C-alpha atoms as a PDB file:
ATOM      1  CA  UNK A   1     -11.445   9.601 -85.017  1.00  0.00           C
ATOM      2  CA  UNK A   2     -13.947  10.604 -82.404  1.00  0.00           C
ATOM      3  CA  UNK A   3     -13.126   7.501 -80.368  1.00  0.00           C
ATOM      4  CA  UNK A   4      -9.382   8.305 -80.477  1.00  0.00           C
ATOM      5  CA  UNK A   5     -10.079  11.824 -79.224  1.00  0.00           C
ATOM      6  CA  UNK A   6     -12.192  10.521 -76.371  1.00  0.00           C
ATOM      7  CA  UNK A   7      -9.411   8.112 -75.342  1.00  0.00           C
ATOM      8  CA  UNK A   8      -6.818  10.935 -75.501  1.00  0.00           C
ATOM      9  CA  UNK A   9      -9.023  13.093 -73.277  1.00  0.00           C
ATOM     10  CA  UNK A  10      -9.426  10.262 -70.755  1.00  0.00           C
ATOM     11  CA  UNK A  11      -5.672   9.639 -70.634  1.00  0.00           C
ATOM     12  CA  UNK A  12      -5.048  13.370 -70.104  1.00  0.00           C
ATOM     13  CA  UNK A  13      -7.653  13.498 -67.320  1.00  0.00           C
ATOM     14  CA  UNK A  14      -6.211  10.501 -65.546  1.00  0.00           C
ATOM     15  CA  UNK A  15      -2.706  11.939 -65.854  1.00  0.00           C
ATOM     16  CA  UNK A  16      -3.822  15.259 -64.381  1.00  0.00           C
ATOM     17  CA  UNK A  17      -5.672  13.468 -61.569  1.00  0.00           C
ATOM     18  CA  UNK A  18      -2.566  11.473 -60.734  1.00  0.00           C
ATOM     19  CA  UNK A  19      -0.427  14.610 -60.831  1.00  0.00           C
ATOM     20  CA  UNK A  20      -2.867  16.350 -58.530  1.00  0.00           C
ATOM     21  CA  UNK A  21      -2.803  13.452 -56.057  1.00  0.00           C
ATOM     22  CA  UNK A  22       0.971  13.230 -56.221  1.00  0.00           C
ATOM     23  CA  UNK A  23       1.280  16.939 -55.561  1.00  0.00           C
ATOM     24  CA  UNK A  24      -1.148  16.687 -52.647  1.00  0.00           C
ATOM     25  CA  UNK A  25       0.663  13.730 -51.096  1.00  0.00           C
ATOM     26  CA  UNK A  26       4.022  15.440 -51.550  1.00  0.00           C
ATOM     27  CA  UNK A  27       2.708  18.625 -49.943  1.00  0.00           C
ATOM     28  CA  UNK A  28       1.193  16.682 -47.041  1.00  0.00           C
ATOM     29  CA  UNK A  29       4.427  14.763 -46.399  1.00  0.00           C
ATOM     30  CA  UNK A  30       6.397  18.002 -46.473  1.00  0.00           C
ATOM     31  CA  UNK A  31       3.976  19.585 -44.008  1.00  0.00           C
ATOM     32  CA  UNK A  32       4.101  16.527 -41.717  1.00  0.00           C
ATOM     33  CA  UNK A  33       7.926  16.383 -41.736  1.00  0.00           C
ATOM     34  CA  UNK A  34       8.177  20.088 -40.967  1.00  0.00           C
ATOM     35  CA  UNK A  35       5.626  19.881 -38.179  1.00  0.00           C
ATOM     36  CA  UNK A  36       7.366  16.903 -36.623  1.00  0.00           C
ATOM     37  CA  UNK A  37      10.706  18.656 -36.693  1.00  0.00           C
ATOM     38  CA  UNK A  38       9.253  21.778 -35.079  1.00  0.00           C
ATOM     39  CA  UNK A  39       7.422  19.683 -32.465  1.00  0.00           C
ATOM     40  CA  UNK A  40      10.528  17.662 -31.576  1.00  0.00           C
ATOM     41  CA  UNK A  41      12.748  20.719 -31.404  1.00  0.00           C
ATOM     42  CA  UNK A  42      10.195  22.406 -29.158  1.00  0.00           C
ATOM     43  CA  UNK A  43      10.410  19.550 -26.688  1.00  0.00           C
ATOM     44  CA  UNK A  44      14.189  19.384 -26.847  1.00  0.00           C
ATOM     45  CA  UNK A  45      14.637  23.122 -26.336  1.00  0.00           C
ATOM     46  CA  UNK A  46      12.240  23.509 -23.435  1.00  0.00           C
ATOM     47  CA  UNK A  47      12.171  20.438 -21.143  1.00  0.00           C
ATOM     48  CA  UNK A  48      10.197  22.338 -18.508  1.00  0.00           C
ATOM     49  CA  UNK A  49       7.374  23.093 -20.925  1.00  0.00           C
ATOM     50  CA  UNK A  50       7.731  19.559 -22.282  1.00  0.00           C
ATOM     51  CA  UNK A  51       7.159  18.082 -18.835  1.00  0.00           C
ATOM     52  CA  UNK A  52       4.141  20.328 -18.335  1.00  0.00           C
ATOM     53  CA  UNK A  53       2.678  19.300 -21.667  1.00  0.00           C
ATOM     54  CA  UNK A  54       3.127  15.626 -20.936  1.00  0.00           C
ATOM     55  CA  UNK A  55       1.642  15.863 -17.479  1.00  0.00           C
ATOM     56  CA  UNK A  56      -1.418  17.686 -18.794  1.00  0.00           C
ATOM     57  CA  UNK A  57      -2.565  14.510 -20.528  1.00  0.00           C
ATOM     58  CA  UNK A  58      -3.715  13.021 -17.243  1.00  0.00           C
ATOM     59  CA  UNK A  59      -5.059  14.638 -14.098  1.00  0.00           C
ATOM     60  CA  UNK A  60      -4.275  11.516 -12.092  1.00  0.00           C
ATOM     61  CA  UNK A  61      -0.687  11.416 -13.404  1.00  0.00           C
ATOM     62  CA  UNK A  62      -0.185  14.970 -12.161  1.00  0.00           C
ATOM     63  CA  UNK A  63      -1.557  13.970  -8.782  1.00  0.00           C
ATOM     64  CA  UNK A  64       0.716  10.968  -8.504  1.00  0.00           C
ATOM     65  CA  UNK A  65       3.786  13.047  -9.347  1.00  0.00           C
ATOM     66  CA  UNK A  66       2.918  15.538  -6.654  1.00  0.00           C
ATOM     67  CA  UNK A  67       2.399  12.890  -3.946  1.00  0.00           C
ATOM     68  CA  UNK A  68       5.435  10.892  -2.861  1.00  0.00           C
ATOM     69  CA  UNK A  69       5.319   8.426  -0.029  1.00  0.00           C
ATOM     70  CA  UNK A  70       7.875   9.834   2.372  1.00  0.00           C
ATOM     71  CA  UNK A  71       7.091   8.733   5.903  1.00  0.00           C
ATOM     72  CA  UNK A  72       5.590   5.408   6.945  1.00  0.00           C
ATOM     73  CA  UNK A  73       4.901   4.262  10.504  1.00  0.00           C
ATOM     74  CA  UNK A  74       4.577   0.571  11.314  1.00  0.00           C
ATOM     75  CA  UNK A  75       3.387  -0.271  14.806  1.00  0.00           C
ATOM     76  CA  UNK A  76       4.814  -3.553  16.044  1.00  0.00           C
ATOM     77  CA  UNK A  77       7.399  -3.299  13.285  1.00  0.00           C
ATOM     78  CA  UNK A  78      10.031  -5.338  15.095  1.00  0.00           C
ATOM     79  CA  UNK A  79       7.890  -8.504  14.927  1.00  0.00           C
ATOM     80  CA  UNK A  80       8.060 -11.124  12.182  1.00  0.00           C
ATOM     81  CA  UNK A  81       5.467  -9.678   9.806  1.00  0.00           C
ATOM     82  CA  UNK A  82       6.318  -6.125  10.867  1.00  0.00           C
ATOM     83  CA  UNK A  83       9.969  -6.606   9.959  1.00  0.00           C
ATOM     84  CA  UNK A  84       9.069  -7.744   6.437  1.00  0.00           C
ATOM     85  CA  UNK A  85       6.784  -4.720   6.037  1.00  0.00           C
ATOM     86  CA  UNK A  86       9.521  -2.351   7.246  1.00  0.00           C
ATOM     87  CA  UNK A  87      12.019  -3.827   4.799  1.00  0.00           C
ATOM     88  CA  UNK A  88       9.618  -3.674   1.862  1.00  0.00           C
ATOM     89  CA  UNK A  89       8.470  -0.091   2.464  1.00  0.00           C
ATOM     90  CA  UNK A  90      12.072   0.975   3.010  1.00  0.00           C
ATOM     91  CA  UNK A  91      13.073  -0.686  -0.266  1.00  0.00           C
ATOM     92  CA  UNK A  92      10.272   1.245  -1.966  1.00  0.00           C
ATOM     93  CA  UNK A  93      11.926   4.503  -0.931  1.00  0.00           C
ATOM     94  CA  UNK A  94       9.925   5.459   2.142  1.00  0.00           C
ATOM     95  CA  UNK A  95      11.262   6.794   5.423  1.00  0.00           C
ATOM     96  CA  UNK A  96      10.221   3.988   7.767  1.00  0.00           C
ATOM     97  CA  UNK A  97       9.569   4.279  11.499  1.00  0.00           C
ATOM     98  CA  UNK A  98       8.761   1.372  13.797  1.00  0.00           C
ATOM     99  CA  UNK A  99       7.396   1.547  17.325  1.00  0.00           C
ATOM    100  CA  UNK A 100       8.402  -0.557  20.305  1.00  0.00           C
ATOM    101  CA  UNK A 101       7.419  -0.691  23.971  1.00  0.00           C
ATOM    102  CA  UNK A 102       9.858   0.041  26.801  1.00  0.00           C
ATOM    103  CA  UNK A 103      10.417  -3.629  27.660  1.00  0.00           C
ATOM    104  CA  UNK A 104      11.552  -4.229  24.050  1.00  0.00           C
ATOM    105  CA  UNK A 105      14.180  -1.473  23.950  1.00  0.00           C
ATOM    106  CA  UNK A 106      17.225  -3.763  23.863  1.00  0.00           C
ATOM    107  CA  UNK A 107      15.595  -5.957  21.245  1.00  0.00           C
ATOM    108  CA  UNK A 108      14.573  -2.909  19.180  1.00  0.00           C
ATOM    109  CA  UNK A 109      18.096  -1.457  19.159  1.00  0.00           C
ATOM    110  CA  UNK A 110      19.575  -4.799  18.085  1.00  0.00           C
ATOM    111  CA  UNK A 111      16.864  -5.122  15.424  1.00  0.00           C
ATOM    112  CA  UNK A 112      17.621  -1.659  14.045  1.00  0.00           C
ATOM    113  CA  UNK A 113      21.350  -2.410  13.903  1.00  0.00           C
ATOM    114  CA  UNK A 114      20.744  -5.688  12.081  1.00  0.00           C
ATOM    115  CA  UNK A 115      18.555  -3.991   9.487  1.00  0.00           C
ATOM    116  CA  UNK A 116      21.132  -1.265   8.972  1.00  0.00           C
ATOM    117  CA  UNK A 117      23.759  -3.936   8.291  1.00  0.00           C
ATOM    118  CA  UNK A 118      21.428  -5.334   5.627  1.00  0.00           C
ATOM    119  CA  UNK A 119      21.071  -1.900   4.023  1.00  0.00           C
ATOM    120  CA  UNK A 120      17.719  -0.810   5.458  1.00  0.00           C
ATOM    121  CA  UNK A 121      17.392   2.598   7.084  1.00  0.00           C
ATOM    122  CA  UNK A 122      14.615   2.179   9.658  1.00  0.00           C
ATOM    123  CA  UNK A 123      14.088   4.394  12.690  1.00  0.00           C
ATOM    124  CA  UNK A 124      12.664   3.162  16.006  1.00  0.00           C
ATOM    125  CA  UNK A 125      10.690   5.099  18.609  1.00  0.00           C
ATOM    126  CA  UNK A 126       9.246   4.028  21.920  1.00  0.00           C
ATOM    127  CA  UNK A 127       5.460   4.127  21.994  1.00  0.00           C
ATOM    128  CA  UNK A 128       2.965   2.026  23.908  1.00  0.00           C
ATOM    129  CA  UNK A 129       0.193   1.829  21.325  1.00  0.00           C
ATOM    130  CA  UNK A 130      -2.234   0.457  23.919  1.00  0.00           C
ATOM    131  CA  UNK A 131      -1.982   3.801  25.772  1.00  0.00           C
ATOM    132  CA  UNK A 132      -3.685   6.819  24.204  1.00  0.00           C
ATOM    133  CA  UNK A 133      -1.471   9.442  25.864  1.00  0.00           C
ATOM    134  CA  UNK A 134       1.664   7.630  24.715  1.00  0.00           C
ATOM    135  CA  UNK A 135       0.354   7.694  21.137  1.00  0.00           C
ATOM    136  CA  UNK A 136      -0.468  11.400  21.380  1.00  0.00           C
ATOM    137  CA  UNK A 137       3.073  12.210  22.550  1.00  0.00           C
ATOM    138  CA  UNK A 138       4.571  10.023  19.827  1.00  0.00           C
ATOM    139  CA  UNK A 139       2.468  11.719  17.130  1.00  0.00           C
ATOM    140  CA  UNK A 140       3.464  15.177  18.355  1.00  0.00           C
ATOM    141  CA  UNK A 141       7.142  14.171  18.233  1.00  0.00           C
ATOM    142  CA  UNK A 142       6.939  12.700  14.729  1.00  0.00           C
ATOM    143  CA  UNK A 143       4.890  15.543  13.260  1.00  0.00           C
ATOM    144  CA  UNK A 144       7.229  18.107  14.797  1.00  0.00           C
ATOM    145  CA  UNK A 145      10.159  16.351  13.141  1.00  0.00           C
ATOM    146  CA  UNK A 146       8.634  15.359   9.792  1.00  0.00           C
ATOM    147  CA  UNK A 147       5.533  17.590   9.554  1.00  0.00           C
ATOM    148  CA  UNK A 148       3.216  14.700   8.659  1.00  0.00           C
ATOM    149  CA  UNK A 149       3.109  10.998   7.831  1.00  0.00           C
ATOM    150  CA  UNK A 150       1.850   9.420   4.635  1.00  0.00           C
ATOM    151  CA  UNK A 151       1.415   5.751   5.560  1.00  0.00           C
ATOM    152  CA  UNK A 152       0.243   4.166   8.798  1.00  0.00           C
ATOM    153  CA  UNK A 153       0.388   0.401   9.206  1.00  0.00           C
ATOM    154  CA  UNK A 154      -1.275  -0.940  12.358  1.00  0.00           C
ATOM    155  CA  UNK A 155       0.566  -4.226  12.837  1.00  0.00           C
ATOM    156  CA  UNK A 156       0.980  -4.425  16.624  1.00  0.00           C
ATOM    157  CA  UNK A 157      -0.588  -7.558  18.050  1.00  0.00           C
ATOM    158  CA  UNK A 158      -0.364 -10.260  20.711  1.00  0.00           C
ATOM    159  CA  UNK A 159      -2.134 -13.526  21.506  1.00  0.00           C
ATOM    160  CA  UNK A 160      -3.349 -14.907  24.828  1.00  0.00           C
ATOM    161  CA  UNK A 161      -5.199 -18.027  23.722  1.00  0.00           C
ATOM    162  CA  UNK A 162      -7.608 -20.123  25.764  1.00  0.00           C
ATOM    163  CA  UNK A 163     -11.234 -21.174  25.686  1.00  0.00           C
ATOM    164  CA  UNK A 164     -13.529 -18.478  26.997  1.00  0.00           C
ATOM    165  CA  UNK A 165     -14.611 -20.640  29.943  1.00  0.00           C
ATOM    166  CA  UNK A 166     -11.002 -20.544  31.162  1.00  0.00           C
ATOM    167  CA  UNK A 167      -9.990 -17.073  29.984  1.00  0.00           C
ATOM    168  CA  UNK A 168      -8.808 -14.541  32.549  1.00  0.00           C
ATOM    169  CA  UNK A 169     -10.104 -10.988  32.304  1.00  0.00           C
ATOM    170  CA  UNK A 170      -6.501  -9.858  32.234  1.00  0.00           C
ATOM    171  CA  UNK A 171      -5.824 -11.828  29.036  1.00  0.00           C
ATOM    172  CA  UNK A 172      -9.015 -10.556  27.432  1.00  0.00           C
ATOM    173  CA  UNK A 173      -8.059  -6.948  28.194  1.00  0.00           C
ATOM    174  CA  UNK A 174      -4.442  -7.370  27.108  1.00  0.00           C
ATOM    175  CA  UNK A 175      -5.402  -8.618  23.639  1.00  0.00           C
ATOM    176  CA  UNK A 176      -8.162  -6.039  23.100  1.00  0.00           C
ATOM    177  CA  UNK A 177      -5.927  -3.207  24.328  1.00  0.00           C
ATOM    178  CA  UNK A 178      -2.980  -4.126  22.125  1.00  0.00           C
ATOM    179  CA  UNK A 179      -4.768  -5.410  19.021  1.00  0.00           C
ATOM    180  CA  UNK A 180      -7.835  -3.164  18.804  1.00  0.00           C
ATOM    181  CA  UNK A 181      -7.663  -0.145  21.111  1.00  0.00           C
ATOM    182  CA  UNK A 182      -4.212   0.552  19.666  1.00  0.00           C
ATOM    183  CA  UNK A 183      -5.750   1.021  16.228  1.00  0.00           C
ATOM    184  CA  UNK A 184      -7.925   3.826  17.594  1.00  0.00           C
ATOM    185  CA  UNK A 185      -5.131   5.299  19.708  1.00  0.00           C
ATOM    186  CA  UNK A 186      -2.534   5.626  16.968  1.00  0.00           C
ATOM    187  CA  UNK A 187      -4.886   6.395  14.080  1.00  0.00           C
ATOM    188  CA  UNK A 188      -6.702   9.066  16.078  1.00  0.00           C
ATOM    189  CA  UNK A 189      -3.349  10.637  16.875  1.00  0.00           C
ATOM    190  CA  UNK A 190      -2.316  10.960  13.206  1.00  0.00           C
ATOM    191  CA  UNK A 191      -5.599  11.320  11.307  1.00  0.00           C
ATOM    192  CA  UNK A 192      -5.828  15.120  11.549  1.00  0.00           C
ATOM    193  CA  UNK A 193      -2.336  15.469  10.106  1.00  0.00           C
ATOM    194  CA  UNK A 194      -3.335  13.302   7.165  1.00  0.00           C
ATOM    195  CA  UNK A 195      -6.499  15.362   6.683  1.00  0.00           C
ATOM    196  CA  UNK A 196      -4.499  18.570   6.715  1.00  0.00           C
ATOM    197  CA  UNK A 197      -2.122  17.118   4.129  1.00  0.00           C
ATOM    198  CA  UNK A 198      -4.987  15.746   2.033  1.00  0.00           C
ATOM    199  CA  UNK A 199      -3.345  12.365   1.654  1.00  0.00           C
ATOM    200  CA  UNK A 200      -2.912   9.118   3.557  1.00  0.00           C
ATOM    201  CA  UNK A 201      -2.754   5.339   3.442  1.00  0.00           C
ATOM    202  CA  UNK A 202      -3.978   3.512   6.549  1.00  0.00           C
ATOM    203  CA  UNK A 203      -3.469  -0.253   6.500  1.00  0.00           C
ATOM    204  CA  UNK A 204      -4.645  -2.459   9.346  1.00  0.00           C
ATOM    205  CA  UNK A 205      -3.230  -5.951   9.778  1.00  0.00           C
ATOM    206  CA  UNK A 206      -6.228  -8.071  10.736  1.00  0.00           C
ATOM    207  CA  UNK A 207      -6.408 -11.864  10.418  1.00  0.00           C
ATOM    208  CA  UNK A 208      -8.276 -14.707   8.774  1.00  0.00           C
ATOM    209  CA  UNK A 209      -9.479 -15.519  12.286  1.00  0.00           C
ATOM    210  CA  UNK A 210     -11.097 -12.108  12.477  1.00  0.00           C
ATOM    211  CA  UNK A 211     -13.095 -13.089   9.401  1.00  0.00           C
ATOM    212  CA  UNK A 212     -14.103 -16.624  10.331  1.00  0.00           C
ATOM    213  CA  UNK A 213     -13.406 -16.999  14.082  1.00  0.00           C
ATOM    214  CA  UNK A 214     -11.142 -19.563  15.719  1.00  0.00           C
ATOM    215  CA  UNK A 215     -11.497 -22.026  18.554  1.00  0.00           C
ATOM    216  CA  UNK A 216      -9.719 -20.780  21.682  1.00  0.00           C
ATOM    217  CA  UNK A 217      -9.309 -17.237  20.348  1.00  0.00           C
ATOM    218  CA  UNK A 218     -12.429 -15.304  21.292  1.00  0.00           C
ATOM    219  CA  UNK A 219     -10.277 -12.382  22.432  1.00  0.00           C
ATOM    220  CA  UNK A 220      -7.995 -12.367  19.373  1.00  0.00           C
ATOM    221  CA  UNK A 221     -10.787 -12.981  16.839  1.00  0.00           C
ATOM    222  CA  UNK A 222     -12.906 -10.267  18.439  1.00  0.00           C
ATOM    223  CA  UNK A 223     -10.076  -7.745  18.199  1.00  0.00           C
ATOM    224  CA  UNK A 224      -9.264  -8.633  14.595  1.00  0.00           C
ATOM    225  CA  UNK A 225     -12.930  -8.530  13.569  1.00  0.00           C
ATOM    226  CA  UNK A 226     -13.170  -5.146  15.251  1.00  0.00           C
ATOM    227  CA  UNK A 227     -10.309  -3.915  13.064  1.00  0.00           C
ATOM    228  CA  UNK A 228     -12.341  -4.800   9.989  1.00  0.00           C
ATOM    229  CA  UNK A 229     -15.345  -2.829  11.233  1.00  0.00           C
ATOM    230  CA  UNK A 230     -13.065   0.089  12.119  1.00  0.00           C
ATOM    231  CA  UNK A 231     -11.539  -0.051   8.634  1.00  0.00           C
ATOM    232  CA  UNK A 232     -14.866   0.030   6.794  1.00  0.00           C
ATOM    233  CA  UNK A 233     -16.298   2.843   8.877  1.00  0.00           C
ATOM    234  CA  UNK A 234     -13.227   5.069   8.719  1.00  0.00           C
ATOM    235  CA  UNK A 235     -12.951   4.424   4.975  1.00  0.00           C
ATOM    236  CA  UNK A 236     -16.407   5.972   4.548  1.00  0.00           C
ATOM    237  CA  UNK A 237     -15.395   9.018   6.568  1.00  0.00           C
ATOM    238  CA  UNK A 238     -12.175   9.502   4.577  1.00  0.00           C
ATOM    239  CA  UNK A 239     -13.430   8.602   1.087  1.00  0.00           C
ATOM    240  CA  UNK A 240     -13.415  12.190  -0.204  1.00  0.00           C
ATOM    241  CA  UNK A 241     -10.339  13.295   1.715  1.00  0.00           C
ATOM    242  CA  UNK A 242      -7.564  11.571  -0.231  1.00  0.00           C
ATOM    243  CA  UNK A 243      -7.122   8.966   2.516  1.00  0.00           C
ATOM    244  CA  UNK A 244      -7.700   5.249   1.965  1.00  0.00           C
ATOM    245  CA  UNK A 245      -8.269   2.742   4.769  1.00  0.00           C
ATOM    246  CA  UNK A 246      -7.865  -0.985   4.162  1.00  0.00           C
ATOM    247  CA  UNK A 247      -7.144  -4.302   5.874  1.00  0.00           C
ATOM    248  CA  UNK A 248      -4.743  -7.087   5.082  1.00  0.00           C
ATOM    249  CA  UNK A 249      -5.954 -10.389   6.548  1.00  0.00           C
ATOM    250  CA  UNK A 250      -3.138 -12.943   6.722  1.00  0.00           C
ATOM    251  CA  UNK A 251      -3.687 -16.626   7.254  1.00  0.00           C
ATOM    252  CA  UNK A 252      -0.970 -18.719   8.892  1.00  0.00           C
ATOM    253  CA  UNK A 253       2.396 -17.103   8.254  1.00  0.00           C
ATOM    254  CA  UNK A 254       5.855 -18.639   8.582  1.00  0.00           C
ATOM    255  CA  UNK A 255       7.063 -16.415  11.400  1.00  0.00           C
ATOM    256  CA  UNK A 256       9.486 -17.769  14.037  1.00  0.00           C
ATOM    257  CA  UNK A 257       6.570 -17.959  16.493  1.00  0.00           C
ATOM    258  CA  UNK A 258       4.443 -20.112  14.169  1.00  0.00           C
ATOM    259  CA  UNK A 259       7.327 -22.272  13.030  1.00  0.00           C
ATOM    260  CA  UNK A 260       8.117 -23.021  16.688  1.00  0.00           C
ATOM    261  CA  UNK A 261       4.772 -24.840  17.037  1.00  0.00           C
ATOM    262  CA  UNK A 262       5.123 -28.579  17.666  1.00  0.00           C
ATOM    263  CA  UNK A 263       5.747 -30.290  14.340  1.00  0.00           C
ATOM    264  CA  UNK A 264       2.680 -32.573  14.337  1.00  0.00           C
ATOM    265  CA  UNK A 265       0.381 -29.660  15.190  1.00  0.00           C
ATOM    266  CA  UNK A 266       1.946 -27.449  12.526  1.00  0.00           C
ATOM    267  CA  UNK A 267       1.568 -30.210   9.939  1.00  0.00           C
ATOM    268  CA  UNK A 268      -2.116 -30.443  10.840  1.00  0.00           C
ATOM    269  CA  UNK A 269      -2.518 -26.701  10.286  1.00  0.00           C
ATOM    270  CA  UNK A 270      -0.765 -26.820   6.921  1.00  0.00           C
ATOM    271  CA  UNK A 271      -2.982 -29.687   5.743  1.00  0.00           C
ATOM    272  CA  UNK A 272      -6.029 -27.440   6.220  1.00  0.00           C
ATOM    273  CA  UNK A 273      -4.598 -24.848   3.830  1.00  0.00           C
ATOM    274  CA  UNK A 274      -5.488 -25.501   0.169  1.00  0.00           C
ATOM    275  CA  UNK A 275      -2.016 -24.352  -0.942  1.00  0.00           C
ATOM    276  CA  UNK A 276      -0.443 -26.743   1.614  1.00  0.00           C
ATOM    277  CA  UNK A 277       2.063 -24.248   2.942  1.00  0.00           C
ATOM    278  CA  UNK A 278       2.439 -21.281   5.260  1.00  0.00           C
ATOM    279  CA  UNK A 279       2.548 -17.770   3.880  1.00  0.00           C
ATOM    280  CA  UNK A 280       5.921 -16.090   3.581  1.00  0.00           C
ATOM    281  CA  UNK A 281       6.241 -12.855   5.545  1.00  0.00           C
ATOM    282  CA  UNK A 282       7.261 -11.169   2.297  1.00  0.00           C
ATOM    283  CA  UNK A 283       3.880 -12.058   0.787  1.00  0.00           C
ATOM    284  CA  UNK A 284       2.112 -10.131   3.531  1.00  0.00           C
ATOM    285  CA  UNK A 285       4.495  -7.212   3.014  1.00  0.00           C
ATOM    286  CA  UNK A 286       3.746  -7.252  -0.717  1.00  0.00           C
ATOM    287  CA  UNK A 287       0.035  -6.789  -0.040  1.00  0.00           C
ATOM    288  CA  UNK A 288       0.781  -3.911   2.329  1.00  0.00           C
ATOM    289  CA  UNK A 289       3.088  -2.260  -0.209  1.00  0.00           C
ATOM    290  CA  UNK A 290       0.370  -2.518  -2.856  1.00  0.00           C
ATOM    291  CA  UNK A 291      -2.152  -0.719  -0.649  1.00  0.00           C
ATOM    292  CA  UNK A 292       0.462   1.832   0.454  1.00  0.00           C
ATOM    293  CA  UNK A 293       1.200   2.875  -3.112  1.00  0.00           C
ATOM    294  CA  UNK A 294      -0.225   6.162  -4.375  1.00  0.00           C
ATOM    295  CA  UNK A 295      -1.637   4.312  -7.397  1.00  0.00           C
ATOM    296  CA  UNK A 296      -4.002   2.340  -5.124  1.00  0.00           C
ATOM    297  CA  UNK A 297      -6.106   5.454  -4.639  1.00  0.00           C
ATOM    298  CA  UNK A 298      -9.413   3.796  -5.651  1.00  0.00           C
ATOM    299  CA  UNK A 299      -9.172   0.914  -3.178  1.00  0.00           C
ATOM    300  CA  UNK A 300     -10.660   1.620   0.237  1.00  0.00           C
ATOM    301  CA  UNK A 301     -12.747  -0.071   2.916  1.00  0.00           C
ATOM    302  CA  UNK A 302     -11.771  -3.572   1.884  1.00  0.00           C
ATOM    303  CA  UNK A 303      -9.842  -6.606   3.148  1.00  0.00           C
ATOM    304  CA  UNK A 304      -7.158  -8.322   1.126  1.00  0.00           C
ATOM    305  CA  UNK A 305      -7.043 -11.975   2.166  1.00  0.00           C
ATOM    306  CA  UNK A 306      -3.563 -13.500   2.057  1.00  0.00           C
ATOM    307  CA  UNK A 307      -4.392 -16.960   3.371  1.00  0.00           C
ATOM    308  CA  UNK A 308      -3.615 -19.521   0.645  1.00  0.00           C
ATOM    309  CA  UNK A 309      -7.318 -20.248   0.167  1.00  0.00           C
ATOM    310  CA  UNK A 310      -7.908 -21.165   3.820  1.00  0.00           C
ATOM    311  CA  UNK A 311     -11.057 -19.039   3.941  1.00  0.00           C
ATOM    312  CA  UNK A 312     -12.860 -17.494   0.975  1.00  0.00           C
ATOM    313  CA  UNK A 313     -15.818 -15.754   2.608  1.00  0.00           C
END
């Protein structure tokens, strides 16, 4: 009798416990469904507040939405690598401006027309990047028209190869003026605008030969090595200013100039490259586009080697 009563009491207790749990779970589900409905309706009814709420989850996301790459300048943009960079940055939605020197005017106009036919909207302006005053005038013109620039790609460059024992002073000066002094001239002309805007991407096109040296290219290798030193130093100065400064160091690239090299010599060059091929110009442009992106904000003072494994120092 006593045992039966104890069992009845246990059954009743278990039943009440289950009822209590069921009631709790039911109440919780009801509360959750109601809250979800209210939350969803809130977002549907007020998209402005919704956008604000979403953006508040990340300080960096807010920053990236506020900064849009609008204006990009590529010096030497009408060259082989420069053209690929212009096309890529234009495809990414930037306003792209290329420079040319007076002797290239006819070529530059034809180049612009060809790109327009292919669907790329690229502007061209005359500027001798080896001349400081020319760069100052160019910067004043561009900033008057567009207020500021967001991306600067220093891609202008020439070669005048020979062993140092045979090198003319004129060929030394020409390469240093165009390949290295130009980086100071144009960057100095735009840096204050970037500082005022609190944002910038400076990308210098150096070379594998600026990293390792090359026989018969003391002038070229010196200039390209100087670009790397310039990049690292300016990156330190700009580190807290919202401006990144980096290098892209191509190896041998399949530009018309390189592909015009005598076949046996070109084959010898390719055999030295672990990947056994030349770089595509688009692969250099991809590296530039990566550094130009607002999401690359934590990369500065470095060199991205695009050389197929030719040099891994």
